[in-house]
Amino acid sequence: MAKCPYCKKPLALRAKACDAANAKVVRKEVAGSIKQEVMYVCPHCDCVLGFAFFMGGLLTGRPS
């Protein structure tokens, strides 16, 4: 079980993990179509948890 480093509330990366643990899913904000940039945000306190980027967005279907 993950916890937000700012508000200490439980988080889950996938919806299946939420059901059992009373956690909310981490919000992903995606920009771009070829090069997709992703920002992960805490659903409780709206603090940024991290960034990622994926090349090939439409071709590979990432991130899911």
Protein backbone atom coordinates (compact mmCIF):
# COMPACT_ATOMS: atom_id res chain seq x y z
CA MET A 1 0.00 0.00 0.00
CA ALA A 2 1.43 3.34 -1.06
CA LYS A 3 0.94 6.59 0.84
CA CYS A 4 1.22 10.15 -0.37
CA PRO A 5 4.43 11.68 1.03
CA TYR A 6 2.61 14.97 1.63
CA CYS A 7 -0.78 14.12 3.16
CA LYS A 8 -0.01 10.50 4.26
CA LYS A 9 -3.30 9.16 2.85
CA PRO A 10 -3.42 5.77 1.04
CA LEU A 11 -2.99 5.65 -2.74
CA ALA A 12 -3.30 2.97 -5.41
CA LEU A 13 -1.98 2.87 -8.97
CA ARG A 14 -4.80 0.67 -10.29
CA ALA A 15 -8.54 0.54 -9.59
CA LYS A 16 -8.42 -3.12 -8.45
CA ALA A 17 -6.09 -2.24 -5.56
CA CYS A 18 -8.46 0.55 -4.45
CA ASP A 19 -11.40 -1.69 -3.69
CA ALA A 20 -9.67 -3.76 -1.02
CA ALA A 21 -7.75 -0.98 0.71
CA ASN A 22 -10.08 2.07 0.69
CA ALA A 23 -7.49 4.01 -1.29
CA LYS A 24 -8.02 6.41 -4.17
CA VAL A 25 -6.36 5.96 -7.55
CA VAL A 26 -3.45 8.26 -8.41
CA ARG A 27 -4.57 10.75 -11.06
CA LYS A 28 -2.63 10.71 -14.36
CA GLU A 29 -2.64 13.78 -16.56
CA VAL A 30 -1.37 12.95 -20.06
CA ALA A 31 -0.30 15.40 -22.78
CA GLY A 32 0.86 14.67 -26.32
CA SER A 33 0.16 12.03 -28.93
CA ILE A 34 3.56 10.85 -30.21
CA LYS A 35 5.65 11.75 -27.19
CA GLN A 36 3.34 11.38 -24.22
CA GLU A 37 4.22 13.26 -21.06
CA VAL A 38 2.53 12.09 -17.86
CA MET A 39 2.15 13.87 -14.52
CA TYR A 40 1.05 11.79 -11.51
CA VAL A 41 -1.02 13.72 -8.93
CA CYS A 42 -2.36 12.80 -5.47
CA PRO A 43 -6.19 12.71 -5.58
CA HIS A 44 -6.41 13.87 -1.95
CA CYS A 45 -4.14 16.92 -1.77
CA ASP A 46 -3.39 17.63 -5.50
CA CYS A 47 0.39 17.49 -4.96
CA VAL A 48 2.55 16.33 -7.86
CA LEU A 49 4.00 12.87 -7.18
CA GLY A 50 6.13 12.44 -10.29
CA PHE A 51 6.64 12.75 -14.03
CA ALA A 52 7.21 10.28 -16.86
CA PHE A 53 7.34 10.29 -20.64
CA PHE A 54 6.79 7.62 -23.28
CA MET A 55 7.81 7.68 -26.92
CA GLY A 56 5.38 6.26 -29.47
CA GLY A 57 2.18 7.02 -27.54
CA LEU A 58 -0.39 6.13 -30.23
CA LEU A 59 1.65 3.22 -31.59
CA THR A 60 2.39 1.48 -28.29
CA GLY A 61 -0.75 2.45 -26.35
CA ARG A 62 1.31 3.65 -23.41
CA PRO A 63 0.60 4.83 -20.81
CA SER A 64 -2.48 2.81 -20.01
